[in-house]
Amino acid sequence: MVAKRSGARSKGDQRISVSLQPMQQASSEPPLSRERIVATAVELLDAQGIDGLTMRRLADRLGSGVMSLYWHVDNKEDVFDLAVDSVLEHRGSPETGESPDWRGDVVHMLEDWRARMLRHPWSASLLPRRALGRNILGRLEMLSKTLSRAGVADADLNAAIWSLWNYVMGATLTRASFDLSEEDRAAAQQRLTHLSEHYPTIERSRLLLDNDWDGAFRRGLDFLLDGLSPR
């Protein structure tokens, strides 16, 4: 009878050895892509704000390495550009040149613009220096065409666009940063009442108690559009 060599392993030993090997876990994460990076960046910005977005935190949320991100985006600034443009995607826009209600079209555009930025408050502070994205430029193009067909002369078009842009940006930033409680507002108004001799008009208007942000935005927009109406 021939003895087995000490280095040889039986089939039974091999089966035992294989069964003891750790099973390789299949990854449950979807493949990394620019779209997934941008969507996750928006989630991170919503949760932690601009200062909370770093490439390391973004990679951790995606379950990937930091260097893997750079196959899809250039750097953090690129992520900011893509994120702010993504939240301003516009659907259901009016057919430029066909709708007779140019004021209604402008109001719809700007109310939608403001609402989207309020859902993502960080976007209003990023937008002024990141205004070349496809969705942002598309919004500006629709607004420009609508005002142009309403009779705003080319020489006045830029001033009209900037006036509306500044109004939306200012209204959004003010609303997003104004976080006084009802009690705080009432106390502030009470102090103003004691100073009514010096500030009679704003005390009489109950300025600090006015909480109708949407209504004030719409009325202010009407004031601007009255000035843009064909003369």
C-alpha atoms as a PDB file:
ATOM      1  CA  MET A   1       0.000   0.000   0.000  1.00  0.00           C
ATOM      2  CA  VAL A   2       1.431   3.312  -1.079  1.00  0.00           C
ATOM      3  CA  ALA A   3       1.365   6.070   1.575  1.00  0.00           C
ATOM      4  CA  LYS A   4       0.022   9.498   0.627  1.00  0.00           C
ATOM      5  CA  ARG A   5       2.546  12.268   0.371  1.00  0.00           C
ATOM      6  CA  SER A   6       2.378  14.654   3.261  1.00  0.00           C
ATOM      7  CA  GLY A   7       1.716  17.637   0.919  1.00  0.00           C
ATOM      8  CA  ALA A   8      -1.202  16.013  -0.878  1.00  0.00           C
ATOM      9  CA  ARG A   9      -4.778  16.843   0.066  1.00  0.00           C
ATOM     10  CA  SER A  10      -7.764  14.575  -0.395  1.00  0.00           C
ATOM     11  CA  LYS A  11     -10.912  15.712  -2.192  1.00  0.00           C
ATOM     12  CA  GLY A  12     -12.688  15.729   1.144  1.00  0.00           C
ATOM     13  CA  ASP A  13     -10.057  18.044   2.573  1.00  0.00           C
ATOM     14  CA  GLN A  14     -10.413  20.310  -0.443  1.00  0.00           C
ATOM     15  CA  ARG A  15     -14.206  20.492  -0.011  1.00  0.00           C
ATOM     16  CA  ILE A  16     -13.801  21.385   3.661  1.00  0.00           C
ATOM     17  CA  SER A  17     -11.213  24.004   2.796  1.00  0.00           C
ATOM     18  CA  VAL A  18     -13.458  25.588   0.171  1.00  0.00           C
ATOM     19  CA  SER A  19     -16.455  25.622   2.489  1.00  0.00           C
ATOM     20  CA  LEU A  20     -14.454  27.506   5.098  1.00  0.00           C
ATOM     21  CA  GLN A  21     -13.537  30.320   2.710  1.00  0.00           C
ATOM     22  CA  PRO A  22     -15.495  33.539   3.410  1.00  0.00           C
ATOM     23  CA  MET A  23     -18.208  34.191   0.838  1.00  0.00           C
ATOM     24  CA  GLN A  24     -17.577  37.323  -1.231  1.00  0.00           C
ATOM     25  CA  GLN A  25     -20.368  39.830  -0.635  1.00  0.00           C
ATOM     26  CA  ALA A  26     -22.000  41.287  -3.707  1.00  0.00           C
ATOM     27  CA  SER A  27     -22.171  45.074  -3.583  1.00  0.00           C
ATOM     28  CA  SER A  28     -25.697  46.415  -3.135  1.00  0.00           C
ATOM     29  CA  GLU A  29     -24.703  49.940  -4.182  1.00  0.00           C
ATOM     30  CA  PRO A  30     -25.647  51.055  -7.714  1.00  0.00           C
ATOM     31  CA  PRO A  31     -22.757  51.957 -10.018  1.00  0.00           C
ATOM     32  CA  LEU A  32     -21.142  55.323  -9.461  1.00  0.00           C
ATOM     33  CA  SER A  33     -22.260  57.933 -11.998  1.00  0.00           C
ATOM     34  CA  ARG A  34     -22.403  61.697 -12.332  1.00  0.00           C
ATOM     35  CA  GLU A  35     -26.167  61.651 -11.821  1.00  0.00           C
ATOM     36  CA  ARG A  36     -25.865  59.670  -8.591  1.00  0.00           C
ATOM     37  CA  ILE A  37     -23.060  61.924  -7.331  1.00  0.00           C
ATOM     38  CA  VAL A  38     -25.154  65.042  -7.973  1.00  0.00           C
ATOM     39  CA  ALA A  39     -28.290  63.598  -6.344  1.00  0.00           C
ATOM     40  CA  THR A  40     -26.284  62.590  -3.259  1.00  0.00           C
ATOM     41  CA  ALA A  41     -24.600  66.005  -3.135  1.00  0.00           C
ATOM     42  CA  VAL A  42     -28.025  67.668  -3.078  1.00  0.00           C
ATOM     43  CA  GLU A  43     -29.048  65.413  -0.168  1.00  0.00           C
ATOM     44  CA  LEU A  44     -25.862  66.332   1.702  1.00  0.00           C
ATOM     45  CA  LEU A  45     -26.324  70.045   1.031  1.00  0.00           C
ATOM     46  CA  ASP A  46     -29.948  69.880   2.209  1.00  0.00           C
ATOM     47  CA  ALA A  47     -28.838  68.185   5.419  1.00  0.00           C
ATOM     48  CA  GLN A  48     -25.634  70.074   6.253  1.00  0.00           C
ATOM     49  CA  GLY A  49     -25.464  73.176   4.084  1.00  0.00           C
ATOM     50  CA  ILE A  50     -22.621  74.443   1.915  1.00  0.00           C
ATOM     51  CA  ASP A  51     -19.940  74.078   4.574  1.00  0.00           C
ATOM     52  CA  GLY A  52     -21.004  70.496   5.196  1.00  0.00           C
ATOM     53  CA  LEU A  53     -20.176  69.292   1.689  1.00  0.00           C
ATOM     54  CA  THR A  54     -16.683  67.866   1.324  1.00  0.00           C
ATOM     55  CA  MET A  55     -15.493  65.308  -1.171  1.00  0.00           C
ATOM     56  CA  ARG A  56     -14.721  62.898   1.681  1.00  0.00           C
ATOM     57  CA  ARG A  57     -18.254  63.144   3.111  1.00  0.00           C
ATOM     58  CA  LEU A  58     -19.727  62.822  -0.355  1.00  0.00           C
ATOM     59  CA  ALA A  59     -17.658  59.720  -1.045  1.00  0.00           C
ATOM     60  CA  ASP A  60     -18.668  58.200   2.299  1.00  0.00           C
ATOM     61  CA  ARG A  61     -22.353  58.707   1.504  1.00  0.00           C
ATOM     62  CA  LEU A  62     -21.844  57.065  -1.859  1.00  0.00           C
ATOM     63  CA  GLY A  63     -19.876  54.177  -0.366  1.00  0.00           C
ATOM     64  CA  SER A  64     -16.899  54.849  -2.623  1.00  0.00           C
ATOM     65  CA  GLY A  65     -13.377  56.182  -2.466  1.00  0.00           C
ATOM     66  CA  VAL A  66     -12.724  59.874  -2.927  1.00  0.00           C
ATOM     67  CA  MET A  67     -10.555  59.308  -5.985  1.00  0.00           C
ATOM     68  CA  SER A  68     -13.390  57.428  -7.701  1.00  0.00           C
ATOM     69  CA  LEU A  69     -15.425  60.631  -7.732  1.00  0.00           C
ATOM     70  CA  TYR A  70     -12.887  62.347  -9.964  1.00  0.00           C
ATOM     71  CA  TRP A  71     -13.691  59.993 -12.829  1.00  0.00           C
ATOM     72  CA  HIS A  72     -17.076  61.754 -13.001  1.00  0.00           C
ATOM     73  CA  VAL A  73     -16.590  65.313 -11.660  1.00  0.00           C
ATOM     74  CA  ASP A  74     -13.648  67.699 -11.783  1.00  0.00           C
ATOM     75  CA  ASN A  75     -13.639  68.929  -8.177  1.00  0.00           C
ATOM     76  CA  LYS A  76     -15.908  70.227  -5.391  1.00  0.00           C
ATOM     77  CA  GLU A  77     -16.639  73.423  -7.341  1.00  0.00           C
ATOM     78  CA  ASP A  78     -17.897  71.288 -10.200  1.00  0.00           C
ATOM     79  CA  VAL A  79     -20.170  69.450  -7.752  1.00  0.00           C
ATOM     80  CA  PHE A  80     -21.592  72.769  -6.542  1.00  0.00           C
ATOM     81  CA  ASP A  81     -22.264  73.866 -10.139  1.00  0.00           C
ATOM     82  CA  LEU A  82     -24.042  70.626 -10.989  1.00  0.00           C
ATOM     83  CA  ALA A  83     -26.019  70.526  -7.736  1.00  0.00           C
ATOM     84  CA  VAL A  84     -27.426  74.055  -7.965  1.00  0.00           C
ATOM     85  CA  ASP A  85     -28.323  73.586 -11.622  1.00  0.00           C
ATOM     86  CA  SER A  86     -30.053  70.270 -10.911  1.00  0.00           C
ATOM     87  CA  VAL A  87     -32.449  71.728  -8.325  1.00  0.00           C
ATOM     88  CA  LEU A  88     -33.528  74.413 -10.802  1.00  0.00           C
ATOM     89  CA  GLU A  89     -34.674  71.989 -13.470  1.00  0.00           C
ATOM     90  CA  HIS A  90     -37.879  73.371 -14.950  1.00  0.00           C
ATOM     91  CA  ARG A  91     -40.719  71.198 -16.234  1.00  0.00           C
ATOM     92  CA  GLY A  92     -43.977  72.165 -17.799  1.00  0.00           C
ATOM     93  CA  SER A  93     -42.832  75.540 -19.088  1.00  0.00           C
ATOM     94  CA  PRO A  94     -45.236  77.529 -21.246  1.00  0.00           C
ATOM     95  CA  GLU A  95     -44.772  77.421 -24.997  1.00  0.00           C
ATOM     96  CA  THR A  96     -42.926  80.656 -25.647  1.00  0.00           C
ATOM     97  CA  GLY A  97     -44.607  82.727 -28.322  1.00  0.00           C
ATOM     98  CA  GLU A  98     -48.036  81.094 -28.044  1.00  0.00           C
ATOM     99  CA  SER A  99     -49.436  82.014 -24.638  1.00  0.00           C
ATOM    100  CA  PRO A 100     -51.278  85.371 -24.672  1.00  0.00           C
ATOM    101  CA  ASP A 101     -50.843  85.820 -20.905  1.00  0.00           C
ATOM    102  CA  TRP A 102     -47.248  86.990 -20.657  1.00  0.00           C
ATOM    103  CA  ARG A 103     -47.688  88.216 -17.062  1.00  0.00           C
ATOM    104  CA  GLY A 104     -49.090  84.875 -15.964  1.00  0.00           C
ATOM    105  CA  ASP A 105     -46.142  83.126 -17.615  1.00  0.00           C
ATOM    106  CA  VAL A 106     -43.605  85.342 -15.835  1.00  0.00           C
ATOM    107  CA  VAL A 107     -45.344  84.893 -12.477  1.00  0.00           C
ATOM    108  CA  HIS A 108     -45.388  81.107 -12.965  1.00  0.00           C
ATOM    109  CA  MET A 109     -41.683  81.041 -13.848  1.00  0.00           C
ATOM    110  CA  LEU A 110     -40.558  83.176 -10.920  1.00  0.00           C
ATOM    111  CA  GLU A 111     -42.828  81.575  -8.316  1.00  0.00           C
ATOM    112  CA  ASP A 112     -41.544  78.170  -9.370  1.00  0.00           C
ATOM    113  CA  TRP A 113     -37.961  79.466  -9.264  1.00  0.00           C
ATOM    114  CA  ARG A 114     -38.419  80.837  -5.747  1.00  0.00           C
ATOM    115  CA  ALA A 115     -40.209  77.687  -4.507  1.00  0.00           C
ATOM    116  CA  ARG A 116     -37.407  75.434  -5.729  1.00  0.00           C
ATOM    117  CA  MET A 117     -34.742  77.558  -4.046  1.00  0.00           C
ATOM    118  CA  LEU A 118     -36.700  77.606  -0.783  1.00  0.00           C
ATOM    119  CA  ARG A 119     -36.816  73.793  -0.861  1.00  0.00           C
ATOM    120  CA  HIS A 120     -33.015  73.916  -1.138  1.00  0.00           C
ATOM    121  CA  PRO A 121     -32.070  77.156   0.709  1.00  0.00           C
ATOM    122  CA  TRP A 122     -28.335  76.767   0.019  1.00  0.00           C
ATOM    123  CA  SER A 123     -28.998  77.222  -3.711  1.00  0.00           C
ATOM    124  CA  ALA A 124     -29.828  80.927  -3.423  1.00  0.00           C
ATOM    125  CA  SER A 125     -26.397  81.768  -2.025  1.00  0.00           C
ATOM    126  CA  LEU A 126     -24.611  79.647  -4.653  1.00  0.00           C
ATOM    127  CA  LEU A 127     -26.577  80.747  -7.705  1.00  0.00           C
ATOM    128  CA  PRO A 128     -25.193  84.282  -8.253  1.00  0.00           C
ATOM    129  CA  ARG A 129     -21.732  82.925  -9.106  1.00  0.00           C
ATOM    130  CA  ARG A 130     -22.881  79.733 -10.827  1.00  0.00           C
ATOM    131  CA  ALA A 131     -25.383  80.951 -13.403  1.00  0.00           C
ATOM    132  CA  LEU A 132     -24.147  79.123 -16.513  1.00  0.00           C
ATOM    133  CA  GLY A 133     -25.805  75.759 -15.999  1.00  0.00           C
ATOM    134  CA  ARG A 134     -28.149  74.349 -18.634  1.00  0.00           C
ATOM    135  CA  ASN A 135     -31.281  74.639 -16.470  1.00  0.00           C
ATOM    136  CA  ILE A 136     -30.464  78.134 -15.221  1.00  0.00           C
ATOM    137  CA  LEU A 137     -29.705  79.423 -18.701  1.00  0.00           C
ATOM    138  CA  GLY A 138     -32.898  77.771 -19.937  1.00  0.00           C
ATOM    139  CA  ARG A 139     -34.926  79.651 -17.334  1.00  0.00           C
ATOM    140  CA  LEU A 140     -33.298  82.960 -18.284  1.00  0.00           C
ATOM    141  CA  GLU A 141     -33.909  82.284 -21.978  1.00  0.00           C
ATOM    142  CA  MET A 142     -37.618  81.585 -21.372  1.00  0.00           C
ATOM    143  CA  LEU A 143     -37.930  84.717 -19.252  1.00  0.00           C
ATOM    144  CA  SER A 144     -36.156  86.843 -21.865  1.00  0.00           C
ATOM    145  CA  LYS A 145     -38.333  85.559 -24.711  1.00  0.00           C
ATOM    146  CA  THR A 146     -41.506  86.101 -22.720  1.00  0.00           C
ATOM    147  CA  LEU A 147     -40.610  89.692 -21.853  1.00  0.00           C
ATOM    148  CA  SER A 148     -39.514  90.360 -25.414  1.00  0.00           C
ATOM    149  CA  ARG A 149     -42.811  89.186 -26.874  1.00  0.00           C
ATOM    150  CA  ALA A 150     -44.601  91.304 -24.249  1.00  0.00           C
ATOM    151  CA  GLY A 151     -43.052  94.388 -25.838  1.00  0.00           C
ATOM    152  CA  VAL A 152     -39.983  95.033 -23.689  1.00  0.00           C
ATOM    153  CA  ALA A 153     -37.466  96.637 -26.055  1.00  0.00           C
ATOM    154  CA  ASP A 154     -34.079  94.996 -26.529  1.00  0.00           C
ATOM    155  CA  ALA A 155     -32.435  98.090 -25.031  1.00  0.00           C
ATOM    156  CA  ASP A 156     -34.441  97.546 -21.815  1.00  0.00           C
ATOM    157  CA  LEU A 157     -34.317  93.748 -21.699  1.00  0.00           C
ATOM    158  CA  ASN A 158     -31.176  93.374 -19.592  1.00  0.00           C
ATOM    159  CA  ALA A 159     -32.415  95.854 -16.987  1.00  0.00           C
ATOM    160  CA  ALA A 160     -35.740  94.007 -16.845  1.00  0.00           C
ATOM    161  CA  ILE A 161     -34.049  90.612 -16.415  1.00  0.00           C
ATOM    162  CA  TRP A 162     -31.708  91.859 -13.688  1.00  0.00           C
ATOM    163  CA  SER A 163     -34.553  93.581 -11.858  1.00  0.00           C
ATOM    164  CA  LEU A 164     -36.539  90.338 -11.710  1.00  0.00           C
ATOM    165  CA  TRP A 165     -33.428  88.264 -10.908  1.00  0.00           C
ATOM    166  CA  ASN A 166     -32.505  90.558  -8.020  1.00  0.00           C
ATOM    167  CA  TYR A 167     -36.057  90.503  -6.723  1.00  0.00           C
ATOM    168  CA  VAL A 168     -36.243  86.698  -6.670  1.00  0.00           C
ATOM    169  CA  MET A 169     -32.769  86.346  -5.126  1.00  0.00           C
ATOM    170  CA  GLY A 170     -33.462  88.941  -2.429  1.00  0.00           C
ATOM    171  CA  ALA A 171     -36.898  87.580  -1.569  1.00  0.00           C
ATOM    172  CA  THR A 172     -35.571  84.017  -1.334  1.00  0.00           C
ATOM    173  CA  LEU A 173     -32.529  84.847   0.788  1.00  0.00           C
ATOM    174  CA  THR A 174     -34.608  86.950   3.180  1.00  0.00           C
ATOM    175  CA  ARG A 175     -37.234  84.235   3.607  1.00  0.00           C
ATOM    176  CA  ALA A 176     -34.655  81.470   4.037  1.00  0.00           C
ATOM    177  CA  SER A 177     -32.710  83.362   6.701  1.00  0.00           C
ATOM    178  CA  PHE A 178     -35.660  84.835   8.630  1.00  0.00           C
ATOM    179  CA  ASP A 179     -36.284  82.345  11.421  1.00  0.00           C
ATOM    180  CA  LEU A 180     -37.950  84.379  14.186  1.00  0.00           C
ATOM    181  CA  SER A 181     -40.710  82.568  16.060  1.00  0.00           C
ATOM    182  CA  GLU A 182     -44.187  84.044  16.410  1.00  0.00           C
ATOM    183  CA  GLU A 183     -43.327  84.965  20.009  1.00  0.00           C
ATOM    184  CA  ASP A 184     -40.151  86.749  18.915  1.00  0.00           C
ATOM    185  CA  ARG A 185     -42.036  88.668  16.231  1.00  0.00           C
ATOM    186  CA  ALA A 186     -44.737  89.729  18.685  1.00  0.00           C
ATOM    187  CA  ALA A 187     -42.129  90.880  21.202  1.00  0.00           C
ATOM    188  CA  ALA A 188     -40.289  92.864  18.524  1.00  0.00           C
ATOM    189  CA  GLN A 189     -43.513  94.508  17.382  1.00  0.00           C
ATOM    190  CA  GLN A 190     -44.289  95.409  21.005  1.00  0.00           C
ATOM    191  CA  ARG A 191     -40.931  97.121  21.353  1.00  0.00           C
ATOM    192  CA  LEU A 192     -41.593  98.958  18.099  1.00  0.00           C
ATOM    193  CA  THR A 193     -44.928 100.138  19.489  1.00  0.00           C
ATOM    194  CA  HIS A 194     -43.095 101.796  22.378  1.00  0.00           C
ATOM    195  CA  LEU A 195     -40.942 103.581  19.779  1.00  0.00           C
ATOM    196  CA  SER A 196     -43.856 104.601  17.543  1.00  0.00           C
ATOM    197  CA  GLU A 197     -43.009 108.247  17.958  1.00  0.00           C
ATOM    198  CA  HIS A 198     -39.847 107.645  15.936  1.00  0.00           C
ATOM    199  CA  TYR A 199     -41.148 104.934  13.559  1.00  0.00           C
ATOM    200  CA  PRO A 200     -44.868 105.677  13.162  1.00  0.00           C
ATOM    201  CA  THR A 201     -45.353 104.327   9.651  1.00  0.00           C
ATOM    202  CA  ILE A 202     -43.786 100.873  10.066  1.00  0.00           C
ATOM    203  CA  GLU A 203     -45.421 100.554  13.471  1.00  0.00           C
ATOM    204  CA  ARG A 204     -48.825 101.341  11.947  1.00  0.00           C
ATOM    205  CA  SER A 205     -48.288  98.830   9.126  1.00  0.00           C
ATOM    206  CA  ARG A 206     -47.537  96.063  11.659  1.00  0.00           C
ATOM    207  CA  LEU A 207     -44.530  95.215   9.542  1.00  0.00           C
ATOM    208  CA  LEU A 208     -42.938  92.770  11.965  1.00  0.00           C
ATOM    209  CA  LEU A 209     -46.138  90.736  12.311  1.00  0.00           C
ATOM    210  CA  ASP A 210     -46.707  90.289   8.580  1.00  0.00           C
ATOM    211  CA  ASN A 211     -46.026  86.602   7.941  1.00  0.00           C
ATOM    212  CA  ASP A 212     -47.589  86.348   4.463  1.00  0.00           C
ATOM    213  CA  TRP A 213     -44.345  85.696   2.599  1.00  0.00           C
ATOM    214  CA  ASP A 214     -45.982  84.243  -0.504  1.00  0.00           C
ATOM    215  CA  GLY A 215     -48.530  87.047  -0.747  1.00  0.00           C
ATOM    216  CA  ALA A 216     -45.888  89.738  -0.291  1.00  0.00           C
ATOM    217  CA  PHE A 217     -43.740  88.127  -2.979  1.00  0.00           C
ATOM    218  CA  ARG A 218     -46.629  88.055  -5.443  1.00  0.00           C
ATOM    219  CA  ARG A 219     -47.681  91.649  -4.767  1.00  0.00           C
ATOM    220  CA  GLY A 220     -44.120  92.901  -5.084  1.00  0.00           C
ATOM    221  CA  LEU A 221     -43.796  91.007  -8.365  1.00  0.00           C
ATOM    222  CA  ASP A 222     -46.975  92.686  -9.595  1.00  0.00           C
ATOM    223  CA  PHE A 223     -45.423  96.078  -8.835  1.00  0.00           C
ATOM    224  CA  LEU A 224     -42.428  95.202 -10.987  1.00  0.00           C
ATOM    225  CA  LEU A 225     -44.512  93.811 -13.825  1.00  0.00           C
ATOM    226  CA  ASP A 226     -46.705  96.927 -13.818  1.00  0.00           C
ATOM    227  CA  GLY A 227     -43.564  98.875 -14.632  1.00  0.00           C
ATOM    228  CA  LEU A 228     -42.666  96.445 -17.419  1.00  0.00           C
ATOM    229  CA  SER A 229     -46.103  96.494 -19.034  1.00  0.00           C
ATOM    230  CA  PRO A 230     -46.146  97.899 -22.592  1.00  0.00           C
ATOM    231  CA  ARG A 231     -46.451 101.651 -22.512  1.00  0.00           C
END
